[in-house]
C-alpha atoms as a PDB file:
ATOM      1  CA  MET A   1     -44.772-109.956-265.726  1.00  0.00           C
ATOM      2  CA  PRO A   2     -44.785-107.713-268.822  1.00  0.00           C
ATOM      3  CA  ILE A   3     -41.415-106.823-270.306  1.00  0.00           C
ATOM      4  CA  LYS A   4     -40.362-103.217-269.702  1.00  0.00           C
ATOM      5  CA  GLN A   5     -38.465-102.023-272.756  1.00  0.00           C
ATOM      6  CA  SER A   6     -35.952 -99.241-273.324  1.00  0.00           C
ATOM      7  CA  VAL A   7     -33.993 -97.786-276.243  1.00  0.00           C
ATOM      8  CA  CYS A   8     -30.215 -97.287-276.371  1.00  0.00           C
ATOM      9  CA  ILE A   9     -30.006 -93.807-277.845  1.00  0.00           C
ATOM     10  CA  PRO A  10     -26.294 -93.572-278.823  1.00  0.00           C
ATOM     11  CA  ILE A  11     -26.390 -96.492-281.278  1.00  0.00           C
ATOM     12  CA  LEU A  12     -29.121 -94.866-283.378  1.00  0.00           C
ATOM     13  CA  PRO A  13     -28.445 -92.653-286.416  1.00  0.00           C
ATOM     14  CA  GLU A  14     -28.327 -88.938-285.715  1.00  0.00           C
ATOM     15  CA  MET A  15     -31.753 -87.290-285.705  1.00  0.00           C
ATOM     16  CA  ASP A  16     -33.547 -84.457-283.979  1.00  0.00           C
ATOM     17  CA  ARG A  17     -33.637 -85.336-280.277  1.00  0.00           C
ATOM     18  CA  SER A  18     -37.069 -83.898-279.598  1.00  0.00           C
ATOM     19  CA  GLU A  19     -38.538 -85.853-282.520  1.00  0.00           C
ATOM     20  CA  LEU A  20     -36.750 -89.021-281.422  1.00  0.00           C
ATOM     21  CA  LEU A  21     -37.802 -88.868-277.775  1.00  0.00           C
ATOM     22  CA  LYS A  22     -41.399 -88.028-278.651  1.00  0.00           C
ATOM     23  CA  GLY A  23     -41.467 -90.881-281.158  1.00  0.00           C
ATOM     24  CA  ILE A  24     -40.064 -93.344-278.632  1.00  0.00           C
ATOM     25  CA  ALA A  25     -42.653 -92.319-276.065  1.00  0.00           C
ATOM     26  CA  ASP A  26     -45.483 -92.486-278.622  1.00  0.00           C
ATOM     27  CA  ILE A  27     -44.560 -96.086-279.463  1.00  0.00           C
ATOM     28  CA  GLY A  28     -45.024 -96.976-275.800  1.00  0.00           C
ATOM     29  CA  TYR A  29     -41.494 -97.180-274.463  1.00  0.00           C
ATOM     30  CA  PRO A  30     -41.126 -96.044-270.847  1.00  0.00           C
ATOM     31  CA  ALA A  31     -37.359 -95.566-270.896  1.00  0.00           C
ATOM     32  CA  ILE A  32     -34.113 -94.830-272.738  1.00  0.00           C
ATOM     33  CA  GLU A  33     -30.434 -95.569-272.162  1.00  0.00           C
ATOM     34  CA  ILE A  34     -27.238 -93.636-272.744  1.00  0.00           C
ATOM     35  CA  TRP A  35     -23.600 -94.712-272.819  1.00  0.00           C
ATOM     36  CA  ALA A  36     -21.883 -91.732-271.250  1.00  0.00           C
ATOM     37  CA  CYS A  37     -22.941 -88.633-269.343  1.00  0.00           C
ATOM     38  CA  GLY A  38     -21.625 -85.806-271.502  1.00  0.00           C
ATOM     39  CA  SER A  39     -21.927 -82.059-271.117  1.00  0.00           C
ATOM     40  CA  ASP A  40     -25.619 -82.174-272.057  1.00  0.00           C
ATOM     41  CA  PHE A  41     -26.485 -84.894-269.525  1.00  0.00           C
ATOM     42  CA  ASP A  42     -28.823 -82.689-267.483  1.00  0.00           C
ATOM     43  CA  ASP A  43     -30.566 -81.385-270.598  1.00  0.00           C
ATOM     44  CA  LEU A  44     -31.038 -84.933-271.886  1.00  0.00           C
ATOM     45  CA  CYS A  45     -32.463 -86.053-268.543  1.00  0.00           C
ATOM     46  CA  ASP A  46     -34.873 -83.120-268.581  1.00  0.00           C
ATOM     47  CA  ASP A  47     -35.896 -83.751-272.202  1.00  0.00           C
ATOM     48  CA  ALA A  48     -36.513 -87.415-271.431  1.00  0.00           C
ATOM     49  CA  SER A  49     -38.581 -86.544-268.381  1.00  0.00           C
ATOM     50  CA  GLU A  50     -40.684 -84.095-270.377  1.00  0.00           C
ATOM     51  CA  ASN A  51     -41.602 -86.973-272.689  1.00  0.00           C
ATOM     52  CA  GLY A  52     -42.404 -89.321-269.799  1.00  0.00           C
ATOM     53  CA  LEU A  53     -39.222 -91.329-270.320  1.00  0.00           C
ATOM     54  CA  ARG A  54     -36.859 -92.590-267.648  1.00  0.00           C
ATOM     55  CA  ILE A  55     -33.108 -93.096-268.159  1.00  0.00           C
ATOM     56  CA  VAL A  56     -32.430 -96.617-266.915  1.00  0.00           C
ATOM     57  CA  SER A  57     -28.821 -97.428-267.811  1.00  0.00           C
ATOM     58  CA  MET A  58     -25.513 -95.754-268.632  1.00  0.00           C
ATOM     59  CA  ALA A  59     -21.817 -96.566-268.556  1.00  0.00           C
ATOM     60  CA  GLY A  60     -20.367 -96.300-265.070  1.00  0.00           C
ATOM     61  CA  HIS A  61     -16.711 -95.831-266.034  1.00  0.00           C
ATOM     62  CA  GLN A  62     -14.547 -95.016-269.028  1.00  0.00           C
ATOM     63  CA  SER A  63     -12.752 -97.301-271.462  1.00  0.00           C
ATOM     64  CA  LEU A  64     -14.361-100.586-272.421  1.00  0.00           C
ATOM     65  CA  PRO A  65     -11.091-102.336-273.423  1.00  0.00           C
ATOM     66  CA  ASP A  66      -9.039-100.961-270.504  1.00  0.00           C
ATOM     67  CA  GLY A  67     -11.167-102.081-267.593  1.00  0.00           C
ATOM     68  CA  LEU A  68     -11.451-103.803-264.253  1.00  0.00           C
ATOM     69  CA  ASN A  69      -9.105-106.710-264.996  1.00  0.00           C
ATOM     70  CA  LYS A  70      -6.043-104.482-264.473  1.00  0.00           C
ATOM     71  CA  PRO A  71      -5.195-103.602-260.841  1.00  0.00           C
ATOM     72  CA  GLU A  72      -3.618-100.335-261.957  1.00  0.00           C
ATOM     73  CA  ASN A  73      -7.064 -99.209-263.190  1.00  0.00           C
ATOM     74  CA  HIS A  74      -8.867 -99.764-259.904  1.00  0.00           C
ATOM     75  CA  ASP A  75      -8.258 -96.346-258.340  1.00  0.00           C
ATOM     76  CA  ARG A  76      -9.463 -94.571-261.493  1.00  0.00           C
ATOM     77  CA  ILE A  77     -12.483 -96.805-261.970  1.00  0.00           C
ATOM     78  CA  GLU A  78     -13.453 -96.573-258.303  1.00  0.00           C
ATOM     79  CA  ASP A  79     -13.530 -92.787-258.555  1.00  0.00           C
ATOM     80  CA  GLU A  80     -15.461 -92.877-261.832  1.00  0.00           C
ATOM     81  CA  LEU A  81     -17.982 -95.406-260.567  1.00  0.00           C
ATOM     82  CA  LYS A  82     -18.644 -93.510-257.353  1.00  0.00           C
ATOM     83  CA  ALA A  83     -19.253 -90.311-259.324  1.00  0.00           C
ATOM     84  CA  SER A  84     -21.590 -92.202-261.674  1.00  0.00           C
ATOM     85  CA  ILE A  85     -23.403 -93.810-258.741  1.00  0.00           C
ATOM     86  CA  ASP A  86     -24.079 -90.342-257.334  1.00  0.00           C
ATOM     87  CA  LEU A  87     -25.527 -89.224-260.686  1.00  0.00           C
ATOM     88  CA  ALA A  88     -27.579 -92.391-260.984  1.00  0.00           C
ATOM     89  CA  ALA A  89     -28.998 -92.040-257.478  1.00  0.00           C
ATOM     90  CA  GLU A  90     -29.854 -88.411-258.125  1.00  0.00           C
ATOM     91  CA  ARG A  91     -31.563 -89.149-261.451  1.00  0.00           C
ATOM     92  CA  ASN A  92     -33.193 -92.466-260.443  1.00  0.00           C
ATOM     93  CA  ILE A  93     -31.119 -94.532-262.887  1.00  0.00           C
ATOM     94  CA  PRO A  94     -31.192 -98.150-261.653  1.00  0.00           C
ATOM     95  CA  GLY A  95     -28.026 -99.510-263.254  1.00  0.00           C
ATOM     96  CA  LEU A  96     -24.516 -98.676-264.439  1.00  0.00           C
ATOM     97  CA  ILE A  97     -22.541-100.680-266.986  1.00  0.00           C
ATOM     98  CA  CYS A  98     -19.092-101.987-266.030  1.00  0.00           C
ATOM     99  CA  PHE A  99     -16.469-103.613-268.249  1.00  0.00           C
ATOM    100  CA  SER A 100     -13.889-106.302-267.571  1.00  0.00           C
ATOM    101  CA  GLY A 101     -11.541-104.899-270.197  1.00  0.00           C
ATOM    102  CA  ASN A 102      -9.607-106.881-272.774  1.00  0.00           C
ATOM    103  CA  HIS A 103      -7.569-109.976-271.987  1.00  0.00           C
ATOM    104  CA  VAL A 104      -4.144-109.253-270.514  1.00  0.00           C
ATOM    105  CA  GLU A 105      -1.394-111.714-271.442  1.00  0.00           C
ATOM    106  CA  GLY A 106       0.214-113.564-268.557  1.00  0.00           C
ATOM    107  CA  VAL A 107      -2.489-112.748-265.978  1.00  0.00           C
ATOM    108  CA  ALA A 108      -3.898-115.928-264.465  1.00  0.00           C
ATOM    109  CA  ASP A 109      -6.293-114.436-261.916  1.00  0.00           C
ATOM    110  CA  ALA A 110      -8.194-111.908-264.036  1.00  0.00           C
ATOM    111  CA  ARG A 111     -11.520-112.935-262.517  1.00  0.00           C
ATOM    112  CA  GLU A 112     -10.283-112.218-259.009  1.00  0.00           C
ATOM    113  CA  ILE A 113      -8.753-108.915-260.105  1.00  0.00           C
ATOM    114  CA  THR A 114     -12.051-107.904-261.729  1.00  0.00           C
ATOM    115  CA  ALA A 115     -13.960-108.963-258.630  1.00  0.00           C
ATOM    116  CA  GLU A 116     -11.633-106.975-256.391  1.00  0.00           C
ATOM    117  CA  GLY A 117     -12.241-103.855-258.471  1.00  0.00           C
ATOM    118  CA  LEU A 118     -15.996-104.290-258.057  1.00  0.00           C
ATOM    119  CA  ARG A 119     -15.702-105.127-254.332  1.00  0.00           C
ATOM    120  CA  ARG A 120     -14.135-101.718-253.761  1.00  0.00           C
ATOM    121  CA  VAL A 121     -17.284 -99.984-254.991  1.00  0.00           C
ATOM    122  CA  ALA A 122     -20.030-102.478-254.081  1.00  0.00           C
ATOM    123  CA  PRO A 123     -20.722-101.075-250.579  1.00  0.00           C
ATOM    124  CA  TYR A 124     -21.264 -97.596-252.035  1.00  0.00           C
ATOM    125  CA  ALA A 125     -23.580 -99.019-254.706  1.00  0.00           C
ATOM    126  CA  GLU A 126     -25.520-100.832-251.983  1.00  0.00           C
ATOM    127  CA  GLU A 127     -25.783 -97.648-249.924  1.00  0.00           C
ATOM    128  CA  LYS A 128     -27.109 -95.678-252.905  1.00  0.00           C
ATOM    129  CA  GLY A 129     -29.343 -98.436-254.304  1.00  0.00           C
ATOM    130  CA  VAL A 130     -27.677 -98.620-257.739  1.00  0.00           C
ATOM    131  CA  ASN A 131     -26.743-101.808-259.610  1.00  0.00           C
ATOM    132  CA  LEU A 132     -23.292-102.342-261.118  1.00  0.00           C
ATOM    133  CA  ASN A 133     -23.866-104.491-264.208  1.00  0.00           C
ATOM    134  CA  LEU A 134     -20.784-106.219-265.598  1.00  0.00           C
ATOM    135  CA  GLU A 135     -21.447-106.507-269.323  1.00  0.00           C
ATOM    136  CA  LEU A 136     -21.100-109.717-271.289  1.00  0.00           C
ATOM    137  CA  LEU A 137     -19.797-108.936-274.811  1.00  0.00           C
ATOM    138  CA  ASN A 138     -18.740-111.105-277.718  1.00  0.00           C
ATOM    139  CA  SER A 139     -15.028-111.315-278.506  1.00  0.00           C
ATOM    140  CA  LYS A 140     -15.643-113.011-281.854  1.00  0.00           C
ATOM    141  CA  VAL A 141     -17.121-110.183-283.939  1.00  0.00           C
ATOM    142  CA  ASN A 142     -17.490-106.824-282.201  1.00  0.00           C
ATOM    143  CA  HIS A 143     -14.986-106.725-279.333  1.00  0.00           C
ATOM    144  CA  PRO A 144     -11.902-108.849-280.069  1.00  0.00           C
ATOM    145  CA  GLY A 145      -9.985-109.625-276.886  1.00  0.00           C
ATOM    146  CA  TYR A 146     -12.758-108.689-274.458  1.00  0.00           C
ATOM    147  CA  GLN A 147     -12.413-110.928-271.413  1.00  0.00           C
ATOM    148  CA  CYS A 148     -15.923-111.207-269.940  1.00  0.00           C
ATOM    149  CA  ASP A 149     -17.216-112.955-273.044  1.00  0.00           C
ATOM    150  CA  HIS A 150     -19.006-115.971-271.529  1.00  0.00           C
ATOM    151  CA  THR A 151     -21.737-116.171-268.922  1.00  0.00           C
ATOM    152  CA  ALA A 152     -19.728-118.564-266.738  1.00  0.00           C
ATOM    153  CA  TRP A 153     -16.813-116.095-266.533  1.00  0.00           C
ATOM    154  CA  GLY A 154     -19.099-113.265-265.473  1.00  0.00           C
ATOM    155  CA  LEU A 155     -20.982-115.420-262.969  1.00  0.00           C
ATOM    156  CA  ASP A 156     -17.695-116.426-261.350  1.00  0.00           C
ATOM    157  CA  VAL A 157     -16.751-112.755-260.936  1.00  0.00           C
ATOM    158  CA  ILE A 158     -20.014-111.601-259.386  1.00  0.00           C
ATOM    159  CA  THR A 159     -20.138-114.641-257.108  1.00  0.00           C
ATOM    160  CA  ARG A 160     -16.714-113.668-255.787  1.00  0.00           C
ATOM    161  CA  VAL A 161     -17.955-110.123-255.141  1.00  0.00           C
ATOM    162  CA  GLY A 162     -21.010-111.380-253.259  1.00  0.00           C
ATOM    163  CA  SER A 163     -23.058-108.177-253.414  1.00  0.00           C
ATOM    164  CA  PRO A 164     -26.766-107.930-254.277  1.00  0.00           C
ATOM    165  CA  ARG A 165     -25.902-104.784-256.248  1.00  0.00           C
ATOM    166  CA  VAL A 166     -23.291-106.422-258.513  1.00  0.00           C
ATOM    167  CA  LYS A 167     -24.903-108.280-261.395  1.00  0.00           C
ATOM    168  CA  LEU A 168     -24.415-109.125-265.067  1.00  0.00           C
ATOM    169  CA  LEU A 169     -25.669-107.285-268.102  1.00  0.00           C
ATOM    170  CA  TYR A 170     -26.841-110.205-270.215  1.00  0.00           C
ATOM    171  CA  ASP A 171     -26.595-109.045-273.814  1.00  0.00           C
ATOM    172  CA  ILE A 172     -28.687-111.489-275.829  1.00  0.00           C
ATOM    173  CA  TYR A 173     -27.043-110.608-279.136  1.00  0.00           C
ATOM    174  CA  HIS A 174     -23.502-110.991-277.825  1.00  0.00           C
ATOM    175  CA  MET A 175     -24.215-114.249-276.009  1.00  0.00           C
ATOM    176  CA  GLN A 176     -25.969-115.751-279.019  1.00  0.00           C
ATOM    177  CA  ILE A 177     -22.687-115.274-280.882  1.00  0.00           C
ATOM    178  CA  MET A 178     -20.520-116.708-278.100  1.00  0.00           C
ATOM    179  CA  GLU A 179     -22.540-119.562-276.628  1.00  0.00           C
ATOM    180  CA  GLY A 180     -26.231-119.674-277.612  1.00  0.00           C
ATOM    181  CA  ASP A 181     -28.509-121.616-275.229  1.00  0.00           C
ATOM    182  CA  LEU A 182     -30.184-118.329-274.352  1.00  0.00           C
ATOM    183  CA  ILE A 183     -33.411-119.503-272.766  1.00  0.00           C
ATOM    184  CA  ARG A 184     -31.793-122.149-270.542  1.00  0.00           C
ATOM    185  CA  THR A 185     -29.221-119.592-269.381  1.00  0.00           C
ATOM    186  CA  ILE A 186     -31.946-117.081-268.512  1.00  0.00           C
ATOM    187  CA  GLN A 187     -33.925-119.727-266.663  1.00  0.00           C
ATOM    188  CA  ASP A 188     -30.902-120.976-264.715  1.00  0.00           C
ATOM    189  CA  HIS A 189     -29.132-117.706-263.965  1.00  0.00           C
ATOM    190  CA  GLY A 190     -31.613-114.876-264.454  1.00  0.00           C
ATOM    191  CA  THR A 191     -31.493-113.921-260.765  1.00  0.00           C
ATOM    192  CA  HIS A 192     -27.942-112.681-261.416  1.00  0.00           C
ATOM    193  CA  PHE A 193     -28.888-110.470-264.363  1.00  0.00           C
ATOM    194  CA  GLY A 194     -29.388-106.762-263.685  1.00  0.00           C
ATOM    195  CA  HIS A 195     -30.067-105.688-267.265  1.00  0.00           C
ATOM    196  CA  TYR A 196     -30.613-107.102-270.761  1.00  0.00           C
ATOM    197  CA  HIS A 197     -29.696-105.868-274.233  1.00  0.00           C
ATOM    198  CA  THR A 198     -31.000-106.991-277.613  1.00  0.00           C
ATOM    199  CA  ALA A 199     -30.016-106.838-281.277  1.00  0.00           C
ATOM    200  CA  GLY A 200     -30.585-109.049-284.286  1.00  0.00           C
ATOM    201  CA  ASN A 201     -27.898-111.586-285.142  1.00  0.00           C
ATOM    202  CA  PRO A 202     -26.079-111.507-287.483  1.00  0.00           C
ATOM    203  CA  GLY A 203     -25.539-107.838-288.140  1.00  0.00           C
ATOM    204  CA  ARG A 204     -26.617-106.183-284.871  1.00  0.00           C
ATOM    205  CA  GLU A 205     -29.626-104.822-286.719  1.00  0.00           C
ATOM    206  CA  ASP A 206     -33.416-105.050-286.453  1.00  0.00           C
ATOM    207  CA  LEU A 207     -35.189-107.751-284.455  1.00  0.00           C
ATOM    208  CA  ASP A 208     -36.872-109.006-287.618  1.00  0.00           C
ATOM    209  CA  GLU A 209     -37.314-112.330-289.403  1.00  0.00           C
ATOM    210  CA  ALA A 210     -34.008-111.960-291.269  1.00  0.00           C
ATOM    211  CA  GLN A 211     -32.045-112.675-288.068  1.00  0.00           C
ATOM    212  CA  GLU A 212     -31.791-115.892-286.074  1.00  0.00           C
ATOM    213  CA  ILE A 213     -32.865-115.100-282.505  1.00  0.00           C
ATOM    214  CA  ASN A 214     -36.434-116.009-281.544  1.00  0.00           C
ATOM    215  CA  TYR A 215     -37.048-112.870-279.538  1.00  0.00           C
ATOM    216  CA  PRO A 216     -40.671-113.555-278.519  1.00  0.00           C
ATOM    217  CA  ALA A 217     -39.593-116.860-276.947  1.00  0.00           C
ATOM    218  CA  VAL A 218     -36.596-115.228-275.243  1.00  0.00           C
ATOM    219  CA  MET A 219     -38.818-112.446-273.857  1.00  0.00           C
ATOM    220  CA  GLN A 220     -41.278-115.027-272.563  1.00  0.00           C
ATOM    221  CA  ALA A 221     -38.404-116.742-270.750  1.00  0.00           C
ATOM    222  CA  ILE A 222     -37.444-113.446-269.111  1.00  0.00           C
ATOM    223  CA  ALA A 223     -41.083-112.766-268.202  1.00  0.00           C
ATOM    224  CA  ARG A 224     -41.255-116.125-266.401  1.00  0.00           C
ATOM    225  CA  THR A 225     -38.489-115.011-264.036  1.00  0.00           C
ATOM    226  CA  ASP A 226     -38.722-112.440-261.244  1.00  0.00           C
ATOM    227  CA  TYR A 227     -36.871-109.853-263.340  1.00  0.00           C
ATOM    228  CA  ASP A 228     -38.609-106.474-263.045  1.00  0.00           C
ATOM    229  CA  LEU A 229     -36.152-104.043-264.666  1.00  0.00           C
ATOM    230  CA  TYR A 230     -35.583-103.230-268.345  1.00  0.00           C
ATOM    231  CA  VAL A 231     -34.683-104.877-271.638  1.00  0.00           C
ATOM    232  CA  GLY A 232     -32.794-102.364-273.768  1.00  0.00           C
ATOM    233  CA  HIS A 233     -32.762-102.431-277.565  1.00  0.00           C
ATOM    234  CA  GLU A 234     -29.193-101.776-278.704  1.00  0.00           C
ATOM    235  CA  PHE A 235     -29.314-102.251-282.463  1.00  0.00           C
ATOM    236  CA  ARG A 236     -28.667-100.226-285.601  1.00  0.00           C
ATOM    237  CA  PRO A 237     -31.850 -99.944-287.680  1.00  0.00           C
ATOM    238  CA  LYS A 238     -31.565-100.938-291.325  1.00  0.00           C
ATOM    239  CA  GLY A 239     -33.963 -98.211-292.369  1.00  0.00           C
ATOM    240  CA  ASP A 240     -35.990 -95.489-290.686  1.00  0.00           C
ATOM    241  CA  VAL A 241     -35.439 -95.383-286.938  1.00  0.00           C
ATOM    242  CA  LEU A 242     -38.918 -95.110-285.492  1.00  0.00           C
ATOM    243  CA  PRO A 243     -40.520 -97.912-287.568  1.00  0.00           C
ATOM    244  CA  ALA A 244     -37.634-100.192-286.560  1.00  0.00           C
ATOM    245  CA  LEU A 245     -38.115 -99.294-282.890  1.00  0.00           C
ATOM    246  CA  ARG A 246     -41.861 -99.905-283.188  1.00  0.00           C
ATOM    247  CA  GLN A 247     -41.234-103.340-284.712  1.00  0.00           C
ATOM    248  CA  ALA A 248     -38.816-104.205-281.887  1.00  0.00           C
ATOM    249  CA  PHE A 249     -41.283-103.014-279.269  1.00  0.00           C
ATOM    250  CA  GLU A 250     -44.106-105.109-280.716  1.00  0.00           C
ATOM    251  CA  THR A 251     -41.861-108.168-281.073  1.00  0.00           C
ATOM    252  CA  CYS A 252     -40.842-108.022-277.423  1.00  0.00           C
ATOM    253  CA  ASP A 253     -44.164-106.872-275.948  1.00  0.00           C
ATOM    254  CA  VAL A 254     -45.001-110.086-274.090  1.00  0.00           C
END
């Protein structure tokens, strides 16, 4: 099925929001993403809706490095995730991003601890129809020490949780850095992926011919699966924003 694409707003250079949202919609995007719901969350949702755009992903809890792999964080994260689930259900946002946190020395069962944190919230996510997407990030370049940095680690966690609403956010850029083998991984494990992110590697910039990922082939692999949610572009344009977003859209429009 055709790839549904979205744009991660916070990573882009500052520009007039009305101009940006109109430009994104004019290119053909149906959706945007945010990282956190700040004081202008309702206004942003309304502005997006006025341009025919849906918000499809946002962070579910605070603190990327201080996450679910610490038991002492579970009460806080449970409260934050439940509040975010309520917002997501109200605003028809299909998925929330969750973070393992950075590696903790001397902890041998970090996967079980992370799974337990997600198990506490999974029934509420199921009740509200919202996905909790544990994000895969690279620990080599952008997020030193991040624990959920390989697909196998994340798959182990979500298998332990055993909920249809707990999935992985498969970030193509990050996993190209850590392990490659993108298409085979999508083919073998795509049923466990609740969201995708893109960026060009190296540099986390445009999806152009100066970077190494064959995005049309990767998008075709996703299209051959049953995945029916969104692929979000999370890159920093080298030049003007809207031409870069148009190029990404056309590259991934399979």
